[in-house]
Amino acid sequence: MANSERRRQQVTCSEFLKELTDYLDDTMDAQTKAELEDHLQWCHNCYVICNTTKRTIEIYRDSSLYELPDDLRSRLRSAILTKCKGHENQDPS
């Protein structure tokens, strides 16, 4: 395949972003994956988006939920309810 023909078939940033989820989940055919990886070789913006998204997923996947202590949970709930009731009582005009 000629280099100019290859250039016309390169993945665009928009196409890359549409495929990002499947790329990160590794649920695509080998040819599409290779085309996306080729795009990442020369497109810094898509590389940053892909890498940041991948790292964010890894951070959240490996973390556990933080359980709030009961007293803090109760105070937070009360504060939220008080704030919401304050907004209900405000005159919209």
N, C-alpha and C. Protein backbone atom coordinates (compact mmCIF):
# COMPACT_ATOMS: atom_id res chain seq x y z
N MET A 1 0.86 -1.18 0.00
CA MET A 1 0.00 0.00 0.00
C MET A 1 0.89 1.23 0.00
N ALA A 2 0.63 2.16 -0.87
CA ALA A 2 1.42 3.39 -0.98
C ALA A 2 1.20 4.25 0.25
N ASN A 3 2.23 5.02 0.60
CA ASN A 3 2.16 5.87 1.78
C ASN A 3 1.02 6.88 1.68
N SER A 4 0.80 7.47 0.50
CA SER A 4 -0.28 8.45 0.34
C SER A 4 -1.64 7.79 0.50
N GLU A 5 -1.77 6.53 0.03
CA GLU A 5 -3.03 5.81 0.19
C GLU A 5 -3.26 5.50 1.67
N ARG A 6 -2.20 5.13 2.37
CA ARG A 6 -2.29 4.84 3.81
C ARG A 6 -2.73 6.08 4.57
N ARG A 7 -2.20 7.26 4.18
CA ARG A 7 -2.57 8.51 4.84
C ARG A 7 -4.07 8.79 4.73
N ARG A 8 -4.65 8.50 3.58
CA ARG A 8 -6.08 8.76 3.38
C ARG A 8 -6.94 7.85 4.26
N GLN A 9 -6.40 6.71 4.66
CA GLN A 9 -7.18 5.75 5.44
C GLN A 9 -6.93 5.86 6.94
N GLN A 10 -6.10 6.81 7.35
CA GLN A 10 -5.82 6.96 8.77
C GLN A 10 -7.09 7.34 9.53
N VAL A 11 -7.13 6.89 10.75
CA VAL A 11 -8.24 7.18 11.65
C VAL A 11 -8.19 8.65 12.05
N THR A 12 -9.34 9.31 12.04
CA THR A 12 -9.41 10.70 12.50
C THR A 12 -9.59 10.72 14.02
N CYS A 13 -9.39 11.86 14.62
CA CYS A 13 -9.58 11.99 16.06
C CYS A 13 -11.02 11.66 16.45
N SER A 14 -11.96 12.13 15.66
CA SER A 14 -13.36 11.86 15.94
C SER A 14 -13.65 10.36 15.90
N GLU A 15 -13.11 9.68 14.90
CA GLU A 15 -13.29 8.23 14.80
C GLU A 15 -12.63 7.52 15.98
N PHE A 16 -11.45 8.00 16.35
CA PHE A 16 -10.76 7.39 17.49
C PHE A 16 -11.61 7.51 18.75
N LEU A 17 -12.15 8.70 19.00
CA LEU A 17 -12.93 8.91 20.22
C LEU A 17 -14.20 8.07 20.24
N LYS A 18 -14.79 7.83 19.06
CA LYS A 18 -15.99 6.98 18.99
C LYS A 18 -15.65 5.54 19.37
N GLU A 19 -14.42 5.13 19.13
CA GLU A 19 -13.99 3.75 19.39
C GLU A 19 -13.27 3.59 20.72
N LEU A 20 -13.08 4.68 21.46
CA LEU A 20 -12.25 4.65 22.67
C LEU A 20 -12.71 3.61 23.68
N THR A 21 -13.99 3.54 23.95
CA THR A 21 -14.50 2.60 24.94
C THR A 21 -14.17 1.16 24.55
N ASP A 22 -14.46 0.82 23.30
CA ASP A 22 -14.15 -0.54 22.85
C ASP A 22 -12.65 -0.81 22.86
N TYR A 23 -11.87 0.21 22.54
CA TYR A 23 -10.41 0.06 22.58
C TYR A 23 -9.94 -0.24 24.00
N LEU A 24 -10.42 0.53 24.96
CA LEU A 24 -10.00 0.34 26.35
C LEU A 24 -10.52 -0.97 26.91
N ASP A 25 -11.70 -1.40 26.46
CA ASP A 25 -12.28 -2.67 26.91
C ASP A 25 -11.68 -3.87 26.16
N ASP A 26 -10.89 -3.58 25.12
CA ASP A 26 -10.28 -4.61 24.27
C ASP A 26 -11.33 -5.53 23.67
N THR A 27 -12.37 -4.90 23.10
CA THR A 27 -13.47 -5.66 22.50
C THR A 27 -13.61 -5.35 21.02
N MET A 28 -12.49 -5.24 20.32
CA MET A 28 -12.55 -4.93 18.89
C MET A 28 -11.63 -5.87 18.13
N ASP A 29 -11.85 -5.91 16.82
CA ASP A 29 -11.02 -6.77 15.99
C ASP A 29 -9.60 -6.23 15.91
N ALA A 30 -8.69 -7.10 15.55
CA ALA A 30 -7.26 -6.77 15.55
C ALA A 30 -6.93 -5.65 14.57
N GLN A 31 -7.57 -5.61 13.41
CA GLN A 31 -7.26 -4.58 12.43
C GLN A 31 -7.66 -3.19 12.93
N THR A 32 -8.86 -3.08 13.50
CA THR A 32 -9.31 -1.79 14.04
C THR A 32 -8.40 -1.35 15.18
N LYS A 33 -8.04 -2.30 16.04
CA LYS A 33 -7.14 -1.98 17.16
C LYS A 33 -5.80 -1.47 16.63
N ALA A 34 -5.26 -2.10 15.61
CA ALA A 34 -3.99 -1.67 15.02
C ALA A 34 -4.11 -0.27 14.43
N GLU A 35 -5.23 0.03 13.77
CA GLU A 35 -5.44 1.36 13.19
C GLU A 35 -5.51 2.42 14.28
N LEU A 36 -6.16 2.09 15.39
CA LEU A 36 -6.25 3.05 16.50
C LEU A 36 -4.88 3.25 17.15
N GLU A 37 -4.13 2.17 17.30
CA GLU A 37 -2.80 2.29 17.88
C GLU A 37 -1.86 3.09 16.98
N ASP A 38 -2.05 2.95 15.67
CA ASP A 38 -1.28 3.76 14.72
C ASP A 38 -1.62 5.24 14.92
N HIS A 39 -2.89 5.54 15.10
CA HIS A 39 -3.32 6.92 15.34
C HIS A 39 -2.66 7.47 16.60
N LEU A 40 -2.60 6.65 17.65
CA LEU A 40 -2.00 7.09 18.91
C LEU A 40 -0.52 7.40 18.77
N GLN A 41 0.14 6.79 17.78
CA GLN A 41 1.56 7.03 17.57
C GLN A 41 1.86 8.46 17.14
N TRP A 42 0.95 9.06 16.40
CA TRP A 42 1.23 10.40 15.88
C TRP A 42 0.31 11.50 16.42
N CYS A 43 -0.76 11.12 17.11
CA CYS A 43 -1.70 12.14 17.62
C CYS A 43 -1.55 12.29 19.14
N HIS A 44 -0.86 13.32 19.54
CA HIS A 44 -0.60 13.55 20.96
C HIS A 44 -1.90 13.76 21.75
N ASN A 45 -2.85 14.51 21.20
CA ASN A 45 -4.10 14.79 21.92
C ASN A 45 -4.86 13.51 22.23
N CYS A 46 -5.01 12.64 21.25
CA CYS A 46 -5.73 11.38 21.49
C CYS A 46 -4.95 10.48 22.44
N TYR A 47 -3.63 10.52 22.34
CA TYR A 47 -2.80 9.74 23.26
C TYR A 47 -3.06 10.18 24.71
N VAL A 48 -3.09 11.48 24.93
CA VAL A 48 -3.32 12.01 26.28
C VAL A 48 -4.72 11.63 26.77
N ILE A 49 -5.71 11.77 25.92
CA ILE A 49 -7.09 11.40 26.30
C ILE A 49 -7.16 9.92 26.64
N CYS A 50 -6.59 9.09 25.79
CA CYS A 50 -6.62 7.65 26.01
C CYS A 50 -5.89 7.27 27.30
N ASN A 51 -4.70 7.79 27.48
CA ASN A 51 -3.90 7.46 28.64
C ASN A 51 -4.57 7.95 29.93
N THR A 52 -5.09 9.15 29.92
CA THR A 52 -5.75 9.70 31.10
C THR A 52 -7.00 8.90 31.45
N THR A 53 -7.78 8.54 30.44
CA THR A 53 -8.99 7.75 30.67
C THR A 53 -8.63 6.38 31.23
N LYS A 54 -7.63 5.76 30.64
CA LYS A 54 -7.19 4.43 31.10
C LYS A 54 -6.73 4.50 32.56
N ARG A 55 -5.94 5.50 32.89
CA ARG A 55 -5.43 5.63 34.26
C ARG A 55 -6.55 5.93 35.25
N THR A 56 -7.51 6.75 34.85
CA THR A 56 -8.66 7.06 35.71
C THR A 56 -9.45 5.80 36.00
N ILE A 57 -9.70 5.00 34.97
CA ILE A 57 -10.43 3.73 35.16
C ILE A 57 -9.66 2.83 36.12
N GLU A 58 -8.36 2.74 35.95
CA GLU A 58 -7.54 1.89 36.83
C GLU A 58 -7.61 2.36 38.28
N ILE A 59 -7.57 3.66 38.49
CA ILE A 59 -7.64 4.20 39.85
C ILE A 59 -8.97 3.83 40.50
N TYR A 60 -10.07 4.05 39.78
CA TYR A 60 -11.39 3.76 40.35
C TYR A 60 -11.65 2.28 40.47
N ARG A 61 -11.12 1.49 39.57
CA ARG A 61 -11.32 0.04 39.62
C ARG A 61 -10.63 -0.54 40.85
N ASP A 62 -9.47 0.00 41.19
CA ASP A 62 -8.69 -0.53 42.31
C ASP A 62 -9.08 0.05 43.66
N SER A 63 -9.91 1.06 43.67
CA SER A 63 -10.25 1.69 44.95
C SER A 63 -11.51 1.06 45.55
N SER A 64 -11.60 1.17 46.83
CA SER A 64 -12.79 0.67 47.52
C SER A 64 -13.59 1.87 48.01
N LEU A 65 -14.85 1.62 48.27
CA LEU A 65 -15.71 2.69 48.77
C LEU A 65 -15.30 3.07 50.19
N TYR A 66 -15.36 4.34 50.45
CA TYR A 66 -15.05 4.83 51.79
C TYR A 66 -16.36 4.96 52.55
N GLU A 67 -16.49 4.21 53.60
CA GLU A 67 -17.69 4.27 54.42
C GLU A 67 -17.57 5.43 55.41
N LEU A 68 -18.54 6.31 55.38
CA LEU A 68 -18.55 7.43 56.31
C LEU A 68 -18.95 6.93 57.69
N PRO A 69 -18.34 7.47 58.73
CA PRO A 69 -18.79 7.15 60.08
C PRO A 69 -20.24 7.59 60.25
N ASP A 70 -20.99 6.85 61.06
CA ASP A 70 -22.43 7.11 61.21
C ASP A 70 -22.73 8.55 61.63
N ASP A 71 -21.95 9.11 62.56
CA ASP A 71 -22.22 10.47 63.01
C ASP A 71 -21.99 11.48 61.88
N LEU A 72 -20.95 11.27 61.09
CA LEU A 72 -20.69 12.17 59.97
C LEU A 72 -21.77 12.04 58.90
N ARG A 73 -22.19 10.79 58.63
CA ARG A 73 -23.26 10.56 57.67
C ARG A 73 -24.55 11.27 58.11
N SER A 74 -24.86 11.20 59.38
CA SER A 74 -26.07 11.83 59.91
C SER A 74 -25.99 13.35 59.81
N ARG A 75 -24.84 13.93 60.17
CA ARG A 75 -24.68 15.38 60.09
C ARG A 75 -24.73 15.87 58.63
N LEU A 76 -24.11 15.12 57.75
CA LEU A 76 -24.13 15.48 56.33
C LEU A 76 -25.55 15.43 55.78
N ARG A 77 -26.28 14.38 56.12
CA ARG A 77 -27.67 14.26 55.66
C ARG A 77 -28.51 15.42 56.17
N SER A 78 -28.35 15.77 57.43
CA SER A 78 -29.10 16.89 58.02
C SER A 78 -28.76 18.20 57.33
N ALA A 79 -27.49 18.41 57.06
CA ALA A 79 -27.07 19.65 56.40
C ALA A 79 -27.65 19.73 54.99
N ILE A 80 -27.67 18.63 54.29
CA ILE A 80 -28.22 18.63 52.93
C ILE A 80 -29.72 18.90 52.98
N LEU A 81 -30.43 18.25 53.89
CA LEU A 81 -31.87 18.47 54.00
C LEU A 81 -32.20 19.91 54.38
N THR A 82 -31.42 20.47 55.31
CA THR A 82 -31.62 21.87 55.71
C THR A 82 -31.41 22.80 54.52
N LYS A 83 -30.37 22.55 53.75
CA LYS A 83 -30.07 23.38 52.58
C LYS A 83 -31.20 23.26 51.55
N CYS A 84 -31.68 22.04 51.33
CA CYS A 84 -32.77 21.84 50.36
C CYS A 84 -34.05 22.53 50.82
N LYS A 85 -34.36 22.44 52.09
CA LYS A 85 -35.57 23.09 52.62
C LYS A 85 -35.44 24.61 52.51
N GLY A 86 -34.23 25.13 52.68
CA GLY A 86 -34.01 26.56 52.55
C GLY A 86 -34.28 27.03 51.13
N HIS A 87 -33.95 26.23 50.14
CA HIS A 87 -34.20 26.58 48.75
C HIS A 87 -35.68 26.48 48.41
N GLU A 88 -36.41 25.55 49.05
CA GLU A 88 -37.85 25.41 48.80
C GLU A 88 -38.61 26.63 49.31
N ASN A 89 -38.12 27.23 50.38
CA ASN A 89 -38.82 28.34 51.00
C ASN A 89 -38.49 29.70 50.37
N GLN A 90 -37.53 29.74 49.46
CA GLN A 90 -37.16 31.00 48.82
C GLN A 90 -38.21 31.39 47.80
N ASP A 91 -38.48 32.69 47.74
CA ASP A 91 -39.43 33.22 46.76
C ASP A 91 -38.75 33.28 45.38
N PRO A 92 -39.31 32.59 44.37
CA PRO A 92 -38.66 32.55 43.06
C PRO A 92 -38.67 33.86 42.30
N SER A 93 -39.41 34.85 42.71
CA SER A 93 -39.45 36.12 41.97
C SER A 93 -38.40 37.09 42.37
